[in-house]
N, C-alpha and C. Protein backbone atom coordinates (compact mmCIF):
# COMPACT_ATOMS: atom_id res chain seq x y z
N UNK A 1 -50.52 -142.90 11.42
CA UNK A 1 -49.42 -144.38 11.74
C UNK A 1 -47.94 -143.97 10.77
N UNK A 2 -47.11 -145.36 11.59
CA UNK A 2 -45.94 -145.39 10.64
C UNK A 2 -45.81 -146.06 9.16
N UNK A 3 -44.68 -145.43 8.34
CA UNK A 3 -45.18 -146.63 6.48
C UNK A 3 -43.96 -147.26 6.50
N UNK A 4 -44.17 -147.95 8.41
CA UNK A 4 -43.10 -148.83 8.27
C UNK A 4 -43.87 -150.30 8.82
N UNK A 5 -43.25 -151.55 8.02
CA UNK A 5 -44.02 -152.65 7.91
C UNK A 5 -42.95 -153.83 8.59
N UNK A 6 -43.40 -154.75 9.49
CA UNK A 6 -42.68 -155.50 9.82
C UNK A 6 -43.20 -156.80 9.52
N UNK A 7 -42.08 -157.65 8.48
CA UNK A 7 -42.60 -158.66 7.96
C UNK A 7 -42.20 -160.10 8.72
N UNK A 8 -42.75 -161.12 9.50
CA UNK A 8 -42.62 -161.80 10.33
C UNK A 8 -42.59 -163.30 9.71
N UNK A 9 -41.86 -163.93 8.93
CA UNK A 9 -41.78 -165.11 8.06
C UNK A 9 -41.72 -166.00 8.93
N UNK A 10 -42.96 -166.84 8.28
CA UNK A 10 -42.70 -168.49 8.69
C UNK A 10 -42.23 -168.62 10.02
N UNK A 11 -42.50 -168.24 10.83
CA UNK A 11 -42.54 -168.64 12.18
C UNK A 11 -43.62 -170.02 13.03
N UNK A 12 -43.71 -170.96 12.00
CA UNK A 12 -44.37 -172.08 12.08
C UNK A 12 -43.63 -173.09 13.52
N UNK A 13 -44.53 -174.19 13.85
CA UNK A 13 -44.41 -175.31 14.47
C UNK A 13 -43.38 -176.15 13.86
N UNK A 14 -43.26 -176.22 11.84
CA UNK A 14 -42.88 -177.16 11.59
C UNK A 14 -41.03 -176.75 11.55
N UNK A 15 -40.96 -175.41 11.49
CA UNK A 15 -39.76 -174.92 11.71
C UNK A 15 -39.31 -174.73 13.09
N UNK A 16 -40.15 -175.09 13.86
CA UNK A 16 -39.57 -175.08 15.22
C UNK A 16 -38.90 -176.39 16.14
N UNK A 17 -38.43 -176.48 16.77
CA UNK A 17 -37.55 -177.45 17.22
C UNK A 17 -39.03 -178.93 17.77
N UNK A 18 -38.38 -179.75 17.08
CA UNK A 18 -39.89 -180.92 16.98
C UNK A 18 -40.83 -180.80 15.91
N UNK A 19 -40.14 -179.77 15.09
CA UNK A 19 -40.88 -179.97 13.76
C UNK A 19 -40.00 -180.76 13.09
N UNK A 20 -41.01 -180.61 11.49
CA UNK A 20 -40.81 -181.31 10.54
C UNK A 20 -39.20 -180.99 10.05
N UNK A 21 -39.39 -180.08 9.46
CA UNK A 21 -37.98 -178.72 9.16
C UNK A 21 -37.35 -177.44 10.33
N UNK A 22 -37.30 -178.67 11.39
CA UNK A 22 -36.77 -177.89 12.00
C UNK A 22 -35.61 -176.93 12.23
N UNK A 23 -35.37 -175.59 12.54
CA UNK A 23 -34.32 -174.71 12.93
C UNK A 23 -33.98 -174.36 14.00
N UNK A 24 -32.73 -175.04 13.94
CA UNK A 24 -32.22 -174.89 15.45
C UNK A 24 -32.36 -173.37 15.95
N UNK A 25 -32.73 -173.58 17.22
CA UNK A 25 -33.06 -172.57 18.05
C UNK A 25 -34.19 -171.55 17.58
N UNK A 26 -35.07 -172.29 16.98
CA UNK A 26 -36.28 -171.17 15.87
C UNK A 26 -37.13 -170.37 16.89
N UNK A 27 -37.11 -171.64 18.28
CA UNK A 27 -38.68 -170.85 18.46
C UNK A 27 -37.48 -169.78 19.90
N UNK A 28 -36.18 -169.88 19.84
CA UNK A 28 -35.91 -168.75 20.66
C UNK A 28 -35.87 -167.52 20.44
N UNK A 29 -36.23 -167.23 19.22
CA UNK A 29 -36.55 -165.68 18.21
C UNK A 29 -38.22 -165.17 18.72
N UNK A 30 -38.79 -166.03 19.21
CA UNK A 30 -40.15 -165.65 19.41
C UNK A 30 -40.63 -164.34 20.73
N UNK A 31 -39.82 -164.75 21.25
CA UNK A 31 -40.00 -162.57 22.41
C UNK A 31 -39.57 -162.06 21.68
N UNK A 32 -38.76 -161.78 21.30
CA UNK A 32 -38.11 -160.88 20.48
C UNK A 32 -39.00 -160.53 19.50
N UNK A 33 -39.15 -161.29 19.01
CA UNK A 33 -40.43 -161.02 17.78
C UNK A 33 -41.89 -160.45 17.69
N UNK A 34 -42.12 -161.07 19.32
CA UNK A 34 -43.31 -160.59 19.75
C UNK A 34 -42.76 -159.27 20.38
N UNK A 35 -41.86 -158.70 20.95
CA UNK A 35 -41.33 -157.16 20.96
C UNK A 35 -41.50 -156.11 19.74
N UNK A 36 -40.97 -157.07 18.86
CA UNK A 36 -40.71 -156.13 17.52
C UNK A 36 -42.26 -155.64 16.94
N UNK A 37 -43.49 -156.99 16.70
CA UNK A 37 -44.76 -156.63 16.68
C UNK A 37 -45.23 -155.50 17.68
N UNK A 38 -44.98 -155.74 18.59
CA UNK A 38 -45.60 -154.69 19.33
C UNK A 38 -45.27 -153.31 19.49
N UNK A 39 -43.95 -152.53 18.15
CA UNK A 39 -43.68 -151.56 18.28
C UNK A 39 -43.91 -151.49 17.13
N UNK A 40 -44.38 -151.91 16.06
CA UNK A 40 -44.61 -151.57 14.19
C UNK A 40 -46.38 -151.34 14.78
N UNK A 41 -46.71 -150.23 13.52
CA UNK A 41 -48.04 -149.96 13.35
C UNK A 41 -48.57 -151.17 12.08
N UNK A 42 -47.52 -151.60 11.60
CA UNK A 42 -47.92 -152.65 10.40
C UNK A 42 -47.25 -153.69 10.49
N UNK A 43 -47.92 -154.91 10.76
CA UNK A 43 -47.80 -156.17 10.52
C UNK A 43 -47.87 -156.90 9.93
N UNK A 44 -47.11 -158.03 9.36
CA UNK A 44 -47.64 -159.29 7.84
C UNK A 44 -46.89 -159.90 8.43
N UNK A 45 -47.88 -161.33 8.25
CA UNK A 45 -46.71 -162.73 8.73
C UNK A 45 -46.77 -163.52 6.92
N UNK A 46 -46.31 -164.31 6.64
CA UNK A 46 -45.84 -164.98 5.81
C UNK A 46 -46.02 -166.87 6.58
N UNK A 47 -46.84 -167.57 5.72
CA UNK A 47 -46.89 -168.97 6.27
C UNK A 47 -46.79 -169.94 5.51
N UNK A 48 -45.62 -170.64 5.21
CA UNK A 48 -45.55 -171.92 4.22
C UNK A 48 -46.53 -172.63 3.90
N UNK A 49 -47.51 -173.10 3.56
CA UNK A 49 -48.66 -173.49 3.28
C UNK A 49 -48.98 -174.27 1.85
N UNK A 50 -48.44 -175.70 2.16
CA UNK A 50 -48.10 -176.68 1.32
C UNK A 50 -49.41 -177.60 1.38
N UNK A 51 -49.64 -178.09 -0.29
CA UNK A 51 -50.75 -179.00 -0.39
C UNK A 51 -49.43 -180.33 -0.14
N UNK A 52 -50.17 -181.44 0.45
CA UNK A 52 -50.04 -182.67 0.61
C UNK A 52 -49.60 -182.95 -0.78
N UNK A 53 -48.33 -183.84 -1.28
CA UNK A 53 -47.62 -184.35 -2.05
C UNK A 53 -46.57 -182.99 -2.85
N UNK A 54 -46.22 -181.79 -1.95
CA UNK A 54 -46.18 -180.92 -2.82
C UNK A 54 -44.72 -181.62 -3.58
N UNK A 55 -44.58 -180.79 -5.01
CA UNK A 55 -43.38 -181.11 -5.62
C UNK A 55 -41.63 -180.53 -5.27
N UNK A 56 -41.64 -179.77 -3.87
CA UNK A 56 -40.88 -179.88 -3.39
C UNK A 56 -40.07 -180.82 -2.11
N UNK A 57 -41.33 -181.67 -1.87
CA UNK A 57 -41.15 -182.35 -1.21
C UNK A 57 -40.34 -183.92 -1.61
N UNK A 58 -39.03 -184.44 -0.87
CA UNK A 58 -38.51 -185.43 -1.59
C UNK A 58 -39.02 -186.76 -1.50
N UNK A 59 -40.14 -186.86 -0.46
CA UNK A 59 -41.31 -187.80 -0.91
C UNK A 59 -41.96 -187.90 -2.17
N UNK A 60 -42.10 -187.03 -2.72
CA UNK A 60 -42.68 -186.50 -4.21
C UNK A 60 -41.96 -187.47 -5.05
N UNK A 61 -40.43 -186.88 -4.97
CA UNK A 61 -39.91 -187.90 -5.73
C UNK A 61 -39.20 -189.39 -5.64
N UNK A 62 -39.55 -190.64 -6.16
CA UNK A 62 -38.65 -191.88 -5.60
C UNK A 62 -37.27 -191.98 -5.82
N UNK A 63 -37.08 -192.53 -4.62
CA UNK A 63 -35.53 -192.77 -4.88
C UNK A 63 -35.04 -191.09 -4.52
N UNK A 64 -35.49 -190.41 -4.07
CA UNK A 64 -34.74 -189.02 -3.57
C UNK A 64 -34.46 -188.86 -2.22
N UNK A 65 -33.92 -188.25 -1.45
CA UNK A 65 -33.75 -188.09 -0.36
C UNK A 65 -33.64 -186.92 0.41
N UNK A 66 -34.03 -185.94 1.42
CA UNK A 66 -34.38 -184.25 1.69
C UNK A 66 -32.80 -183.97 1.57
N UNK A 67 -32.57 -182.76 1.20
CA UNK A 67 -31.58 -181.95 0.87
C UNK A 67 -31.10 -182.13 -0.22
N UNK A 68 -31.02 -183.08 -1.34
CA UNK A 68 -30.78 -183.45 -2.24
C UNK A 68 -31.71 -182.11 -3.10
N UNK A 69 -31.07 -182.18 -4.46
CA UNK A 69 -30.95 -180.82 -5.10
C UNK A 69 -31.82 -181.49 -6.81
N UNK A 70 -32.57 -180.79 -6.88
CA UNK A 70 -33.11 -181.50 -8.43
C UNK A 70 -33.76 -180.07 -9.10
N UNK A 71 -33.66 -180.36 -10.61
CA UNK A 71 -33.81 -179.44 -11.67
C UNK A 71 -35.38 -179.56 -12.24
N UNK A 72 -35.94 -178.34 -11.67
CA UNK A 72 -37.26 -177.83 -11.96
C UNK A 72 -37.26 -176.98 -12.80
N UNK A 73 -38.56 -177.38 -13.90
CA UNK A 73 -38.71 -175.75 -14.64
C UNK A 73 -37.76 -174.76 -14.72
N UNK A 74 -38.08 -174.25 -13.31
CA UNK A 74 -37.65 -172.43 -12.88
C UNK A 74 -36.57 -172.83 -11.95
N UNK A 75 -35.82 -173.74 -12.35
CA UNK A 75 -34.38 -174.13 -11.91
C UNK A 75 -34.20 -175.04 -10.64
N UNK A 76 -33.02 -174.96 -10.71
CA UNK A 76 -32.49 -175.71 -9.20
C UNK A 76 -33.54 -175.92 -7.95
N UNK A 77 -34.23 -176.99 -7.79
CA UNK A 77 -34.86 -176.84 -5.98
C UNK A 77 -34.39 -177.92 -5.33
N UNK A 78 -34.02 -177.47 -3.88
CA UNK A 78 -33.86 -178.13 -3.00
C UNK A 78 -34.97 -179.29 -2.51
N UNK A 79 -34.96 -180.29 -2.09
CA UNK A 79 -35.95 -181.41 -2.17
C UNK A 79 -35.96 -181.14 -0.37
N UNK A 80 -36.92 -180.77 0.51
CA UNK A 80 -37.42 -181.02 1.48
C UNK A 80 -38.14 -182.38 2.50
N UNK A 81 -38.01 -182.59 3.95
CA UNK A 81 -38.83 -183.34 4.26
C UNK A 81 -40.25 -182.71 4.39
N UNK A 82 -41.32 -183.61 4.03
CA UNK A 82 -42.58 -182.89 4.18
C UNK A 82 -43.17 -181.94 5.15
N UNK A 83 -43.48 -180.91 5.29
CA UNK A 83 -43.44 -179.93 5.99
C UNK A 83 -44.60 -178.75 6.11
N UNK A 84 -44.71 -177.96 6.72
CA UNK A 84 -45.90 -177.15 6.44
C UNK A 84 -46.92 -177.74 5.65
N UNK A 85 -47.88 -178.86 5.92
CA UNK A 85 -49.33 -179.74 5.18
C UNK A 85 -49.96 -178.17 5.39
N UNK A 86 -50.61 -178.09 4.40
CA UNK A 86 -51.89 -177.45 4.76
C UNK A 86 -53.45 -177.73 5.75
N UNK A 87 -53.40 -177.35 6.76
CA UNK A 87 -54.39 -177.67 8.05
C UNK A 87 -53.73 -178.38 8.87
N UNK A 88 -52.17 -178.48 8.80
CA UNK A 88 -51.48 -179.87 9.92
C UNK A 88 -51.16 -178.60 11.53
N UNK A 89 -51.32 -179.12 12.46
CA UNK A 89 -50.07 -178.62 13.59
C UNK A 89 -49.00 -177.71 12.94
N UNK A 90 -48.35 -178.83 11.85
CA UNK A 90 -47.44 -178.07 11.73
C UNK A 90 -47.07 -176.73 10.86
N UNK A 91 -47.93 -176.28 10.39
CA UNK A 91 -48.07 -175.25 9.26
C UNK A 91 -48.71 -174.15 10.07
N UNK A 92 -48.98 -174.50 11.43
CA UNK A 92 -49.91 -173.53 12.40
C UNK A 92 -48.41 -172.84 13.23
N UNK A 93 -48.97 -171.38 13.44
CA UNK A 93 -47.74 -170.28 13.72
C UNK A 93 -47.36 -171.11 15.28
N UNK A 94 -46.25 -170.64 15.86
CA UNK A 94 -45.67 -171.20 17.11
C UNK A 94 -46.63 -170.40 18.60
N UNK A 95 -47.03 -171.48 19.34
CA UNK A 95 -48.45 -170.78 19.79
C UNK A 95 -47.69 -170.04 20.81
N UNK A 96 -46.57 -169.88 21.07
CA UNK A 96 -45.83 -168.44 21.53
C UNK A 96 -46.02 -167.04 21.08
N UNK A 97 -46.55 -167.24 19.38
CA UNK A 97 -46.34 -166.08 18.58
C UNK A 97 -47.47 -164.98 18.81
N UNK A 98 -47.35 -163.83 19.20
CA UNK A 98 -48.39 -162.62 19.57
C UNK A 98 -49.02 -162.61 17.54
N UNK A 99 -49.32 -162.88 16.99
CA UNK A 99 -49.78 -163.45 15.83
C UNK A 99 -50.92 -162.17 15.25
N UNK A 100 -51.80 -161.96 16.26
CA UNK A 100 -52.71 -161.50 16.45
C UNK A 100 -52.96 -159.93 15.85
N UNK A 101 -51.96 -159.28 15.72
CA UNK A 101 -51.92 -157.82 15.43
C UNK A 101 -51.40 -157.63 13.84
N UNK A 102 -51.20 -159.13 13.19
CA UNK A 102 -51.14 -159.07 11.82
C UNK A 102 -52.33 -158.05 11.35
N UNK A 103 -51.90 -157.63 10.22
CA UNK A 103 -53.30 -157.11 9.28
C UNK A 103 -52.98 -157.91 7.71
N UNK A 104 -52.32 -158.89 7.50
CA UNK A 104 -52.22 -159.89 6.22
C UNK A 104 -51.35 -160.93 6.46
N UNK A 105 -51.74 -161.87 6.21
CA UNK A 105 -51.07 -163.01 6.33
C UNK A 105 -51.28 -163.41 4.68
N UNK A 106 -49.86 -163.71 4.40
CA UNK A 106 -49.31 -164.26 3.15
C UNK A 106 -49.26 -165.64 3.57
N UNK A 107 -50.10 -166.30 2.36
CA UNK A 107 -49.64 -168.00 2.98
C UNK A 107 -48.73 -168.06 0.93
N UNK A 108 -47.57 -168.98 1.32
CA UNK A 108 -47.03 -168.71 -0.26
C UNK A 108 -46.68 -170.57 -0.21
N UNK A 109 -46.55 -171.13 -1.33
CA UNK A 109 -46.06 -172.78 -1.58
C UNK A 109 -47.31 -173.40 -1.43
N UNK A 110 -48.66 -172.56 -1.91
CA UNK A 110 -49.62 -173.58 -1.59
C UNK A 110 -49.96 -173.83 -3.36
N UNK A 111 -49.00 -173.42 -4.56
CA UNK A 111 -49.02 -174.30 -5.97
C UNK A 111 -48.41 -175.49 -5.86
N UNK A 112 -49.26 -176.26 -6.62
CA UNK A 112 -48.30 -177.88 -6.17
C UNK A 112 -47.11 -177.99 -6.16
N UNK A 113 -46.97 -177.46 -8.27
CA UNK A 113 -45.79 -177.36 -8.72
C UNK A 113 -44.65 -176.61 -8.54
N UNK A 114 -44.90 -175.78 -8.00
CA UNK A 114 -43.87 -174.65 -7.62
C UNK A 114 -43.01 -174.57 -6.03
N UNK A 115 -42.12 -174.12 -5.45
CA UNK A 115 -41.77 -174.05 -4.16
C UNK A 115 -41.69 -172.14 -4.08
N UNK A 116 -41.64 -171.55 -2.91
CA UNK A 116 -41.64 -170.05 -2.37
C UNK A 116 -40.97 -170.07 -1.64
N UNK A 117 -39.84 -169.25 -1.42
CA UNK A 117 -39.32 -168.83 -0.31
C UNK A 117 -39.68 -167.43 0.25
N UNK A 118 -39.77 -166.79 -1.14
CA UNK A 118 -39.95 -165.17 -0.87
C UNK A 118 -41.65 -164.70 -0.48
N UNK A 119 -41.81 -163.58 0.42
CA UNK A 119 -42.99 -163.28 0.57
C UNK A 119 -43.16 -162.85 -0.70
N UNK A 120 -42.52 -162.06 -1.61
CA UNK A 120 -43.02 -161.50 -2.72
C UNK A 120 -43.45 -162.53 -4.15
N UNK A 121 -42.37 -163.65 -4.13
CA UNK A 121 -42.58 -163.90 -5.64
C UNK A 121 -42.50 -165.57 -5.29
N UNK A 122 -43.24 -166.30 -6.17
CA UNK A 122 -42.58 -168.05 -6.18
C UNK A 122 -41.54 -167.77 -6.83
N UNK A 123 -40.77 -169.40 -6.75
CA UNK A 123 -39.26 -169.22 -7.01
C UNK A 123 -38.92 -169.62 -8.40
N UNK A 124 -40.28 -169.59 -9.26
CA UNK A 124 -39.87 -168.87 -10.37
C UNK A 124 -39.57 -167.64 -11.10
N UNK A 125 -39.30 -166.79 -9.69
CA UNK A 125 -39.29 -165.55 -9.61
C UNK A 125 -39.99 -164.16 -10.49
N UNK A 126 -41.20 -164.71 -11.10
CA UNK A 126 -42.16 -164.10 -12.02
C UNK A 126 -43.61 -163.82 -10.86
N UNK A 127 -43.96 -165.15 -10.40
CA UNK A 127 -45.52 -165.28 -10.01
C UNK A 127 -45.79 -164.77 -8.79
N UNK A 128 -46.16 -163.22 -8.63
CA UNK A 128 -46.09 -162.99 -7.37
C UNK A 128 -47.39 -162.77 -6.56
N UNK A 129 -47.17 -162.96 -5.00
CA UNK A 129 -47.76 -162.93 -4.25
C UNK A 129 -48.69 -162.06 -3.46
N UNK A 130 -48.70 -160.87 -4.51
CA UNK A 130 -49.44 -159.51 -4.51
C UNK A 130 -49.15 -158.37 -3.55
N UNK A 131 -47.83 -159.13 -2.36
CA UNK A 131 -47.72 -158.12 -1.27
C UNK A 131 -46.96 -156.72 -1.46
N UNK A 132 -46.35 -156.86 -2.72
CA UNK A 132 -45.40 -155.39 -3.39
C UNK A 132 -46.58 -154.82 -3.35
N UNK A 133 -47.65 -154.88 -3.93
CA UNK A 133 -48.92 -154.21 -4.69
C UNK A 133 -49.42 -153.64 -3.26
N UNK A 134 -49.80 -154.74 -1.95
CA UNK A 134 -50.63 -154.34 -0.89
C UNK A 134 -49.69 -153.45 -0.29
N UNK A 135 -48.61 -153.51 -0.13
CA UNK A 135 -47.62 -152.44 0.84
C UNK A 135 -47.68 -151.21 0.05
N UNK A 136 -47.30 -151.10 -0.86
CA UNK A 136 -47.51 -149.99 -1.87
C UNK A 136 -48.84 -149.13 -1.86
N UNK A 137 -49.27 -149.79 -2.02
CA UNK A 137 -51.19 -149.01 -2.15
C UNK A 137 -51.43 -148.15 -0.77
N UNK A 138 -50.37 -149.04 0.17
CA UNK A 138 -50.62 -148.69 1.54
C UNK A 138 -49.32 -147.75 1.64
N UNK A 139 -49.14 -146.93 0.86
CA UNK A 139 -47.64 -146.28 1.43
C UNK A 139 -46.34 -147.00 2.02
N UNK A 140 -46.48 -148.19 2.07
CA UNK A 140 -45.37 -148.68 2.97
C UNK A 140 -44.14 -149.21 2.58
N UNK A 141 -43.22 -148.70 2.66
CA UNK A 141 -41.85 -148.88 1.54
C UNK A 141 -40.77 -149.35 2.08
N UNK A 142 -41.08 -148.81 3.45
CA UNK A 142 -39.70 -149.54 4.42
C UNK A 142 -40.28 -150.18 5.62
N UNK A 143 -39.38 -151.43 5.11
CA UNK A 143 -39.34 -152.97 5.91
C UNK A 143 -38.51 -153.57 6.20
N UNK A 144 -38.62 -154.21 8.09
CA UNK A 144 -38.28 -155.16 8.23
C UNK A 144 -38.37 -156.36 8.41
N UNK A 145 -37.35 -157.24 8.40
CA UNK A 145 -37.85 -158.81 8.43
C UNK A 145 -36.60 -159.32 9.30
N UNK A 146 -37.52 -160.40 10.03
CA UNK A 146 -37.24 -161.38 11.28
C UNK A 146 -38.29 -162.82 10.58
N UNK A 147 -37.73 -163.88 11.45
CA UNK A 147 -38.27 -164.72 11.14
C UNK A 147 -37.34 -166.13 11.10
N UNK A 148 -38.11 -167.18 10.22
CA UNK A 148 -37.50 -168.35 9.82
C UNK A 148 -37.40 -168.64 8.16
N UNK A 149 -36.49 -168.90 7.40
CA UNK A 149 -34.78 -168.98 8.35
C UNK A 149 -34.21 -168.08 7.38
N UNK A 150 -32.97 -167.40 8.09
CA UNK A 150 -32.31 -166.01 7.81
C UNK A 150 -32.15 -166.55 6.37
N UNK A 151 -31.37 -167.91 6.27
CA UNK A 151 -30.75 -167.90 4.47
C UNK A 151 -31.62 -168.28 3.45
N UNK A 152 -32.90 -168.61 4.04
CA UNK A 152 -33.99 -168.73 3.15
C UNK A 152 -35.09 -167.94 2.68
N UNK A 153 -35.97 -168.14 3.40
CA UNK A 153 -36.99 -167.30 3.36
C UNK A 153 -37.27 -166.05 3.79
N UNK A 154 -36.23 -165.81 4.70
CA UNK A 154 -35.91 -164.35 5.15
C UNK A 154 -34.97 -164.03 4.16
N UNK A 155 -34.27 -164.30 3.62
CA UNK A 155 -33.40 -163.76 2.53
C UNK A 155 -33.51 -163.32 1.10
N UNK A 156 -34.37 -164.36 0.81
CA UNK A 156 -35.22 -164.49 -0.65
C UNK A 156 -36.03 -163.25 -0.62
N UNK A 157 -37.35 -163.23 0.49
CA UNK A 157 -37.38 -162.05 0.67
C UNK A 157 -37.24 -161.06 0.79
N UNK A 158 -36.00 -160.30 1.87
CA UNK A 158 -35.58 -159.42 1.20
C UNK A 158 -35.15 -158.75 0.37
N UNK A 159 -34.27 -160.03 -0.57
CA UNK A 159 -34.09 -159.44 -1.63
C UNK A 159 -34.73 -159.06 -2.76
N UNK A 160 -35.61 -159.86 -3.41
CA UNK A 160 -37.05 -159.40 -3.63
C UNK A 160 -37.29 -158.13 -3.33
N UNK A 161 -37.34 -158.06 -1.49
CA UNK A 161 -38.28 -156.55 -1.37
C UNK A 161 -37.18 -154.99 -2.30
N UNK A 162 -35.99 -155.50 -2.04
CA UNK A 162 -34.93 -153.99 -2.76
C UNK A 162 -34.98 -154.27 -4.24
N UNK A 163 -35.18 -155.37 -4.59
CA UNK A 163 -35.59 -155.39 -6.04
C UNK A 163 -36.98 -155.03 -6.39
N UNK A 164 -37.93 -154.75 -5.88
CA UNK A 164 -39.11 -154.43 -5.59
C UNK A 164 -39.16 -153.03 -5.49
N UNK A 165 -38.17 -152.40 -4.59
CA UNK A 165 -38.12 -150.69 -5.14
C UNK A 165 -37.75 -150.47 -3.39
N UNK A 166 -38.41 -151.31 -2.13
CA UNK A 166 -38.26 -151.30 -0.95
C UNK A 166 -37.16 -151.15 -0.54
N UNK A 167 -36.61 -150.58 1.18
CA UNK A 167 -36.00 -150.11 1.73
C UNK A 167 -35.67 -151.78 2.64
N UNK A 168 -35.21 -152.38 2.63
CA UNK A 168 -35.39 -153.72 3.36
C UNK A 168 -34.53 -153.98 4.57
N UNK A 169 -34.49 -154.23 5.80
CA UNK A 169 -33.38 -154.17 6.90
C UNK A 169 -34.01 -155.69 7.49
N UNK A 170 -33.04 -156.56 7.78
CA UNK A 170 -33.03 -158.06 8.45
C UNK A 170 -32.46 -157.67 9.62
N UNK A 171 -33.49 -157.86 10.56
CA UNK A 171 -32.83 -158.24 11.95
C UNK A 171 -32.25 -159.30 12.46
N UNK A 172 -31.20 -159.55 12.34
CA UNK A 172 -30.68 -160.64 12.63
C UNK A 172 -30.86 -161.53 13.97
N UNK A 173 -30.80 -160.65 14.68
CA UNK A 173 -30.66 -161.64 16.35
C UNK A 173 -32.60 -161.92 16.15
N UNK A 174 -33.16 -161.54 15.48
CA UNK A 174 -34.79 -162.06 15.52
C UNK A 174 -35.10 -162.95 14.56
N UNK A 175 -34.05 -164.14 13.73
CA UNK A 175 -34.14 -164.50 13.08
C UNK A 175 -32.73 -166.01 13.25
N UNK A 176 -33.00 -167.36 12.60
CA UNK A 176 -32.35 -168.17 13.07
C UNK A 176 -32.55 -168.81 11.00
N UNK A 177 -31.20 -169.67 11.50
CA UNK A 177 -30.97 -170.04 9.47
C UNK A 177 -30.65 -171.84 9.64
N UNK A 178 -31.03 -171.96 8.36
CA UNK A 178 -30.68 -173.62 8.66
C UNK A 178 -29.12 -173.66 8.58
N UNK A 179 -28.36 -172.65 7.10
CA UNK A 179 -27.17 -173.54 7.18
C UNK A 179 -26.74 -174.38 6.49
N UNK A 180 -27.35 -174.44 5.18
CA UNK A 180 -27.38 -175.87 4.52
C UNK A 180 -25.89 -175.92 3.11
N UNK A 181 -25.24 -175.94 3.76
CA UNK A 181 -23.75 -176.35 2.62
C UNK A 181 -23.35 -174.68 2.81
N UNK A 182 -23.15 -174.22 4.13
CA UNK A 182 -23.12 -172.62 3.57
C UNK A 182 -23.75 -171.81 3.21
N UNK A 183 -25.66 -171.87 3.45
CA UNK A 183 -26.03 -171.26 2.67
C UNK A 183 -26.30 -170.07 3.50
N UNK A 184 -25.95 -170.03 5.17
CA UNK A 184 -26.49 -168.67 5.51
C UNK A 184 -24.64 -167.74 5.15
N UNK A 185 -23.85 -168.28 5.06
CA UNK A 185 -22.92 -167.05 4.85
C UNK A 185 -23.10 -166.68 3.45
N UNK A 186 -23.29 -167.06 2.29
CA UNK A 186 -23.60 -166.98 1.51
C UNK A 186 -24.95 -165.59 1.24
N UNK A 187 -26.01 -166.55 1.47
CA UNK A 187 -27.01 -165.67 1.84
C UNK A 187 -27.03 -164.04 2.39
N UNK A 188 -26.30 -164.00 3.47
CA UNK A 188 -25.22 -163.07 4.15
C UNK A 188 -24.75 -162.08 3.12
N UNK A 189 -24.19 -162.43 2.12
CA UNK A 189 -23.02 -161.86 1.31
C UNK A 189 -23.69 -161.14 0.39
N UNK A 190 -24.59 -161.97 0.10
CA UNK A 190 -25.91 -161.45 -1.19
C UNK A 190 -26.75 -160.53 -0.34
N UNK A 191 -26.75 -160.69 0.29
CA UNK A 191 -27.90 -159.62 1.12
C UNK A 191 -27.44 -158.39 1.11
N UNK A 192 -26.09 -158.56 1.88
CA UNK A 192 -25.25 -156.69 1.73
C UNK A 192 -25.09 -156.60 0.26
N UNK A 193 -24.89 -157.22 -0.72
CA UNK A 193 -24.38 -156.39 -1.78
C UNK A 193 -25.15 -156.21 -2.42
N UNK A 194 -26.60 -156.71 -2.27
CA UNK A 194 -28.15 -155.75 -2.46
C UNK A 194 -28.47 -154.79 -2.31
N UNK A 195 -27.84 -154.46 -0.85
CA UNK A 195 -28.14 -153.01 0.13
C UNK A 195 -29.41 -153.24 0.97
N UNK A 196 -29.28 -154.89 1.27
CA UNK A 196 -30.60 -154.94 2.76
C UNK A 196 -29.22 -154.56 3.76
N UNK A 197 -29.81 -153.92 4.37
CA UNK A 197 -29.31 -153.54 5.95
C UNK A 197 -29.58 -155.14 6.74
N UNK A 198 -27.85 -154.98 7.50
CA UNK A 198 -28.23 -156.52 8.81
C UNK A 198 -27.96 -155.58 9.77
N UNK A 199 -29.28 -155.46 10.43
CA UNK A 199 -28.80 -155.07 11.74
C UNK A 199 -28.95 -155.96 13.06
């Protein structure tokens, strides 16, 4: 088997059209992602998995609105609409996603007091998900990333992959972005400067 893995990031109902935090065109990537899943021996999925009342939800902070930024103990935090709440349809994978081949599902954002964009670390950048150890123990060091959203969970995952010693490629055609205040351009530049391959 190949020492490469496909990391499929957060292709969940709430991030697709009609969802609570919909990414424009988020569902358009599903056929391409499915084709890539079929081409890889190793597939890992990430799943946003928030408890109700999560600290990253604007509704948890009286007087605050979605997409405002507040200071948390671990740094600045964008406030989001309630999304991907554990056990809800919004947290489910998109029904068209061929997820059954996945060998591992990394759930993130389940700690009530800290958000998690990266597949590798919570937003404090120190609390690990265990993904790096899983991959290294299996001898998998070359990673390709697809999913939602390019400028948040995909980008932070790819950046952390490089920091953890992996080779990282982001397949841009199989991603879609939120692009909040120029975030797509900023994160694309950060990825390129960090050594992430943008394909």
